[in-house]
Amino acid sequence: MSDYYVNNDVARVPDFLNWLRSDNALASHKSAEYPVSAFLAAVFSANPSRVRSWVGSTRFTGNAKDYIERALWLAHQGDLVSEALLDRPDYLSQTPPSMTSIPLINPAHST
């Protein structure tokens, strides 16, 4: 996925989501949530017809679930959080900010 921005090739998105789900290294890196969620939100926003199959075909838990939930919310697809991930974080009741207007204070800045 490191070259996604070059070709916008989504062929490896399912592999990336499976890696995110299964990689225990992210369990100790909570600061990765916002950069990963922002990246996925951009991918989800650009490919709305594919998101349901991507997130509905894998069971996410722990940090991976948090990352996916936030990405869906930022991509204005919060309905899939309840539907596919069977969760309802408090922030879902808020309108997500525009990705281009979020002020960045540091690499791990949150909304």
N, C-alpha and C. Protein backbone atom coordinates (compact mmCIF):
# COMPACT_ATOMS: atom_id res chain seq x y z
N MET A 1 0.82 -1.19 0.00
CA MET A 1 0.00 0.00 0.00
C MET A 1 0.86 1.26 0.00
N SER A 2 2.16 1.10 0.13
CA SER A 2 3.03 2.28 0.20
C SER A 2 3.02 3.10 -1.08
N ASP A 3 2.60 2.53 -2.18
CA ASP A 3 2.55 3.29 -3.44
C ASP A 3 1.12 3.56 -3.89
N TYR A 4 0.16 3.46 -3.00
CA TYR A 4 -1.24 3.67 -3.36
C TYR A 4 -1.44 5.04 -4.00
N TYR A 5 -0.80 6.05 -3.45
CA TYR A 5 -1.01 7.41 -3.96
C TYR A 5 -0.47 7.61 -5.37
N VAL A 6 0.41 6.74 -5.82
CA VAL A 6 0.96 6.85 -7.17
C VAL A 6 -0.05 6.35 -8.20
N ASN A 7 -0.60 5.16 -7.97
CA ASN A 7 -1.48 4.53 -8.97
C ASN A 7 -2.94 4.39 -8.53
N ASN A 8 -3.22 4.67 -7.25
CA ASN A 8 -4.57 4.46 -6.70
C ASN A 8 -5.08 3.05 -6.95
N ASP A 9 -4.17 2.10 -6.89
CA ASP A 9 -4.50 0.69 -7.12
C ASP A 9 -5.02 0.09 -5.82
N VAL A 10 -6.26 -0.36 -5.83
CA VAL A 10 -6.89 -0.90 -4.62
C VAL A 10 -6.80 -2.42 -4.52
N ALA A 11 -6.08 -3.04 -5.42
CA ALA A 11 -5.99 -4.50 -5.43
C ALA A 11 -5.46 -5.06 -4.12
N ARG A 12 -4.61 -4.30 -3.41
CA ARG A 12 -4.01 -4.82 -2.18
C ARG A 12 -4.71 -4.35 -0.92
N VAL A 13 -5.80 -3.62 -1.06
CA VAL A 13 -6.53 -3.16 0.12
C VAL A 13 -6.95 -4.33 1.01
N PRO A 14 -7.55 -5.40 0.48
CA PRO A 14 -7.90 -6.53 1.36
C PRO A 14 -6.69 -7.11 2.09
N ASP A 15 -5.55 -7.20 1.41
CA ASP A 15 -4.33 -7.69 2.06
C ASP A 15 -3.90 -6.75 3.18
N PHE A 16 -3.98 -5.45 2.94
CA PHE A 16 -3.61 -4.46 3.95
C PHE A 16 -4.53 -4.57 5.16
N LEU A 17 -5.83 -4.70 4.92
CA LEU A 17 -6.77 -4.83 6.03
C LEU A 17 -6.53 -6.12 6.82
N ASN A 18 -6.21 -7.20 6.14
CA ASN A 18 -5.89 -8.45 6.84
C ASN A 18 -4.60 -8.31 7.64
N TRP A 19 -3.62 -7.61 7.08
CA TRP A 19 -2.38 -7.37 7.83
C TRP A 19 -2.67 -6.53 9.06
N LEU A 20 -3.47 -5.49 8.89
CA LEU A 20 -3.83 -4.62 9.99
C LEU A 20 -4.53 -5.42 11.09
N ARG A 21 -5.40 -6.32 10.69
CA ARG A 21 -6.14 -7.16 11.64
C ARG A 21 -5.23 -8.12 12.38
N SER A 22 -4.26 -8.67 11.68
CA SER A 22 -3.47 -9.75 12.27
C SER A 22 -2.13 -9.32 12.85
N ASP A 23 -1.67 -8.11 12.57
CA ASP A 23 -0.34 -7.70 13.02
C ASP A 23 -0.38 -7.19 14.46
N ASN A 24 0.18 -7.96 15.38
CA ASN A 24 0.19 -7.58 16.79
C ASN A 24 1.09 -6.39 17.08
N ALA A 25 1.95 -6.02 16.15
CA ALA A 25 2.84 -4.88 16.36
C ALA A 25 2.04 -3.59 16.58
N LEU A 26 0.90 -3.48 15.94
CA LEU A 26 0.10 -2.27 16.09
C LEU A 26 -0.57 -2.19 17.45
N ALA A 27 -0.65 -3.29 18.15
CA ALA A 27 -1.29 -3.28 19.47
C ALA A 27 -0.58 -2.34 20.43
N SER A 28 0.71 -2.17 20.27
CA SER A 28 1.47 -1.30 21.17
C SER A 28 1.74 0.07 20.57
N HIS A 29 1.12 0.36 19.44
CA HIS A 29 1.35 1.65 18.77
C HIS A 29 0.03 2.38 18.55
N LYS A 30 -0.59 2.80 19.64
CA LYS A 30 -1.86 3.50 19.56
C LYS A 30 -1.74 4.78 18.74
N SER A 31 -0.54 5.37 18.70
CA SER A 31 -0.35 6.61 17.94
C SER A 31 -0.50 6.40 16.43
N ALA A 32 -0.52 5.16 15.99
CA ALA A 32 -0.69 4.88 14.56
C ALA A 32 -2.14 5.00 14.13
N GLU A 33 -3.07 5.06 15.09
CA GLU A 33 -4.49 5.06 14.74
C GLU A 33 -4.86 6.18 13.78
N TYR A 34 -4.48 7.39 14.06
CA TYR A 34 -4.93 8.51 13.24
C TYR A 34 -4.29 8.53 11.85
N PRO A 35 -2.99 8.31 11.73
CA PRO A 35 -2.44 8.25 10.36
C PRO A 35 -3.03 7.09 9.54
N VAL A 36 -3.17 5.92 10.14
CA VAL A 36 -3.72 4.77 9.42
C VAL A 36 -5.20 5.03 9.09
N SER A 37 -5.94 5.56 10.05
CA SER A 37 -7.35 5.85 9.81
C SER A 37 -7.53 6.89 8.72
N ALA A 38 -6.69 7.92 8.71
CA ALA A 38 -6.79 8.96 7.68
C ALA A 38 -6.48 8.38 6.31
N PHE A 39 -5.45 7.54 6.22
CA PHE A 39 -5.12 6.90 4.95
C PHE A 39 -6.29 6.05 4.46
N LEU A 40 -6.83 5.22 5.34
CA LEU A 40 -7.94 4.36 4.95
C LEU A 40 -9.19 5.18 4.61
N ALA A 41 -9.41 6.28 5.32
CA ALA A 41 -10.55 7.14 5.00
C ALA A 41 -10.44 7.67 3.57
N ALA A 42 -9.24 8.03 3.16
CA ALA A 42 -9.04 8.50 1.78
C ALA A 42 -9.32 7.38 0.79
N VAL A 43 -8.86 6.17 1.10
CA VAL A 43 -9.11 5.02 0.22
C VAL A 43 -10.60 4.71 0.18
N PHE A 44 -11.25 4.69 1.35
CA PHE A 44 -12.68 4.40 1.41
C PHE A 44 -13.50 5.46 0.68
N SER A 45 -13.13 6.73 0.84
CA SER A 45 -13.86 7.81 0.17
C SER A 45 -13.76 7.71 -1.35
N ALA A 46 -12.62 7.27 -1.82
CA ALA A 46 -12.40 7.16 -3.27
C ALA A 46 -13.04 5.91 -3.86
N ASN A 47 -13.42 4.96 -3.01
CA ASN A 47 -13.95 3.67 -3.50
C ASN A 47 -15.17 3.24 -2.70
N PRO A 48 -16.21 4.07 -2.63
CA PRO A 48 -17.35 3.76 -1.76
C PRO A 48 -18.08 2.46 -2.09
N SER A 49 -18.07 2.06 -3.33
CA SER A 49 -18.79 0.83 -3.69
C SER A 49 -18.06 -0.44 -3.24
N ARG A 50 -16.82 -0.32 -2.87
CA ARG A 50 -16.05 -1.50 -2.46
C ARG A 50 -15.91 -1.65 -0.95
N VAL A 51 -16.18 -0.60 -0.23
CA VAL A 51 -15.91 -0.59 1.21
C VAL A 51 -16.67 -1.68 1.95
N ARG A 52 -17.93 -1.85 1.65
CA ARG A 52 -18.74 -2.86 2.35
C ARG A 52 -18.11 -4.24 2.23
N SER A 53 -17.65 -4.61 1.06
CA SER A 53 -17.04 -5.94 0.91
C SER A 53 -15.69 -6.01 1.62
N TRP A 54 -14.94 -4.92 1.62
CA TRP A 54 -13.64 -4.93 2.30
C TRP A 54 -13.78 -5.10 3.80
N VAL A 55 -14.66 -4.32 4.43
CA VAL A 55 -14.74 -4.37 5.89
C VAL A 55 -15.71 -5.43 6.39
N GLY A 56 -16.64 -5.84 5.56
CA GLY A 56 -17.60 -6.84 5.99
C GLY A 56 -17.10 -8.27 5.88
N SER A 57 -16.01 -8.47 5.17
CA SER A 57 -15.50 -9.82 4.95
C SER A 57 -14.47 -10.26 5.98
N THR A 58 -14.11 -9.37 6.90
CA THR A 58 -13.08 -9.68 7.90
C THR A 58 -13.58 -9.27 9.27
N ARG A 59 -13.25 -10.04 10.28
CA ARG A 59 -13.62 -9.70 11.66
C ARG A 59 -12.48 -8.92 12.29
N PHE A 60 -12.72 -7.67 12.62
CA PHE A 60 -11.71 -6.82 13.22
C PHE A 60 -11.92 -6.73 14.72
N THR A 61 -10.82 -6.71 15.46
CA THR A 61 -10.87 -6.56 16.91
C THR A 61 -9.76 -5.60 17.33
N GLY A 62 -9.80 -5.19 18.58
CA GLY A 62 -8.73 -4.38 19.15
C GLY A 62 -8.46 -3.10 18.38
N ASN A 63 -7.16 -2.76 18.27
CA ASN A 63 -6.78 -1.52 17.59
C ASN A 63 -7.22 -1.50 16.14
N ALA A 64 -7.15 -2.63 15.47
CA ALA A 64 -7.55 -2.67 14.06
C ALA A 64 -9.01 -2.24 13.92
N LYS A 65 -9.85 -2.69 14.82
CA LYS A 65 -11.27 -2.30 14.77
C LYS A 65 -11.41 -0.80 14.99
N ASP A 66 -10.64 -0.26 15.94
CA ASP A 66 -10.68 1.18 16.19
C ASP A 66 -10.27 1.97 14.95
N TYR A 67 -9.22 1.51 14.28
CA TYR A 67 -8.71 2.19 13.08
C TYR A 67 -9.75 2.18 11.97
N ILE A 68 -10.36 1.02 11.75
CA ILE A 68 -11.35 0.88 10.69
C ILE A 68 -12.59 1.70 11.00
N GLU A 69 -13.04 1.67 12.26
CA GLU A 69 -14.22 2.46 12.64
C GLU A 69 -14.00 3.94 12.38
N ARG A 70 -12.86 4.45 12.81
CA ARG A 70 -12.57 5.88 12.62
C ARG A 70 -12.46 6.20 11.13
N ALA A 71 -11.85 5.33 10.36
CA ALA A 71 -11.72 5.55 8.92
C ALA A 71 -13.08 5.60 8.24
N LEU A 72 -13.97 4.71 8.63
CA LEU A 72 -15.32 4.71 8.06
C LEU A 72 -16.06 6.00 8.41
N TRP A 73 -15.91 6.44 9.64
CA TRP A 73 -16.56 7.67 10.08
C TRP A 73 -16.02 8.86 9.29
N LEU A 74 -14.69 8.95 9.19
CA LEU A 74 -14.08 10.05 8.44
C LEU A 74 -14.47 10.04 6.96
N ALA A 75 -14.74 8.85 6.43
CA ALA A 75 -15.14 8.71 5.03
C ALA A 75 -16.66 8.87 4.85
N HIS A 76 -17.34 9.30 5.91
CA HIS A 76 -18.79 9.50 5.88
C HIS A 76 -19.53 8.19 5.58
N GLN A 77 -19.01 7.09 6.11
CA GLN A 77 -19.65 5.79 5.97
C GLN A 77 -19.84 5.15 7.34
N GLY A 78 -20.19 5.99 8.31
CA GLY A 78 -20.37 5.53 9.67
C GLY A 78 -21.44 4.46 9.84
N ASP A 79 -22.40 4.39 8.90
CA ASP A 79 -23.43 3.36 8.99
C ASP A 79 -22.82 1.96 8.93
N LEU A 80 -21.68 1.83 8.27
CA LEU A 80 -21.03 0.51 8.19
C LEU A 80 -20.39 0.10 9.51
N VAL A 81 -20.12 1.06 10.39
CA VAL A 81 -19.54 0.70 11.68
C VAL A 81 -20.53 -0.17 12.44
N SER A 82 -21.76 0.27 12.52
CA SER A 82 -22.79 -0.52 13.21
C SER A 82 -23.13 -1.78 12.45
N GLU A 83 -23.23 -1.66 11.14
CA GLU A 83 -23.67 -2.77 10.31
C GLU A 83 -22.62 -3.87 10.17
N ALA A 84 -21.40 -3.50 9.79
CA ALA A 84 -20.37 -4.50 9.52
C ALA A 84 -19.51 -4.83 10.73
N LEU A 85 -19.28 -3.83 11.59
CA LEU A 85 -18.39 -4.06 12.73
C LEU A 85 -19.14 -4.23 14.04
N LEU A 86 -20.47 -4.07 13.98
CA LEU A 86 -21.34 -4.29 15.14
C LEU A 86 -20.92 -3.48 16.35
N ASP A 87 -20.67 -2.20 16.13
CA ASP A 87 -20.23 -1.32 17.20
C ASP A 87 -20.84 0.06 16.97
N ARG A 88 -20.80 0.90 17.99
CA ARG A 88 -21.31 2.27 17.86
C ARG A 88 -20.52 3.18 18.81
N PRO A 89 -19.31 3.58 18.40
CA PRO A 89 -18.54 4.51 19.25
C PRO A 89 -19.28 5.84 19.40
N ASP A 90 -19.04 6.55 20.49
CA ASP A 90 -19.73 7.81 20.77
C ASP A 90 -19.57 8.84 19.65
N TYR A 91 -18.40 8.89 19.03
CA TYR A 91 -18.15 9.92 18.03
C TYR A 91 -19.01 9.74 16.77
N LEU A 92 -19.62 8.59 16.57
CA LEU A 92 -20.46 8.38 15.39
C LEU A 92 -21.65 9.33 15.35
N SER A 93 -22.07 9.84 16.50
CA SER A 93 -23.21 10.75 16.53
C SER A 93 -22.81 12.16 16.06
N GLN A 94 -21.53 12.41 15.88
CA GLN A 94 -21.05 13.70 15.41
C GLN A 94 -20.78 13.64 13.91
N THR A 95 -20.87 14.77 13.26
CA THR A 95 -20.53 14.86 11.85
C THR A 95 -19.01 14.84 11.74
N PRO A 96 -18.47 13.98 10.90
CA PRO A 96 -17.01 13.94 10.78
C PRO A 96 -16.47 15.23 10.17
N PRO A 97 -15.26 15.60 10.57
CA PRO A 97 -14.68 16.80 9.99
C PRO A 97 -14.26 16.55 8.54
N SER A 98 -14.09 17.61 7.80
CA SER A 98 -13.54 17.50 6.46
C SER A 98 -12.07 17.12 6.59
N MET A 99 -11.64 16.15 5.83
CA MET A 99 -10.25 15.70 5.92
C MET A 99 -9.27 16.82 5.57
N THR A 100 -9.71 17.78 4.79
CA THR A 100 -8.80 18.86 4.40
C THR A 100 -8.79 20.01 5.39
N SER A 101 -9.67 19.98 6.39
CA SER A 101 -9.71 21.08 7.34
C SER A 101 -9.25 20.70 8.74
N ILE A 102 -8.84 19.47 8.95
CA ILE A 102 -8.37 19.05 10.27
C ILE A 102 -7.00 19.69 10.51
N PRO A 103 -6.87 20.50 11.56
CA PRO A 103 -5.56 21.10 11.83
C PRO A 103 -4.58 20.04 12.35
N LEU A 104 -3.43 19.96 11.74
CA LEU A 104 -2.44 18.99 12.16
C LEU A 104 -1.43 19.65 13.10
N ILE A 105 -1.35 19.08 14.29
CA ILE A 105 -0.44 19.62 15.30
C ILE A 105 0.82 18.77 15.38
N ASN A 106 0.65 17.46 15.23
CA ASN A 106 1.78 16.53 15.21
C ASN A 106 1.36 15.31 14.40
N PRO A 107 2.27 14.40 14.11
CA PRO A 107 1.92 13.24 13.26
C PRO A 107 0.80 12.36 13.80
N ALA A 108 0.60 12.36 15.11
CA ALA A 108 -0.42 11.49 15.71
C ALA A 108 -1.65 12.29 16.14
N HIS A 109 -1.84 13.46 15.57
CA HIS A 109 -2.94 14.34 15.99
C HIS A 109 -4.29 13.67 15.75
N SER A 110 -5.20 13.85 16.70
CA SER A 110 -6.53 13.26 16.59
C SER A 110 -7.57 14.34 16.38
N THR A 111 -8.75 13.89 15.97
CA THR A 111 -9.87 14.83 15.80
C THR A 111 -10.66 14.91 17.06
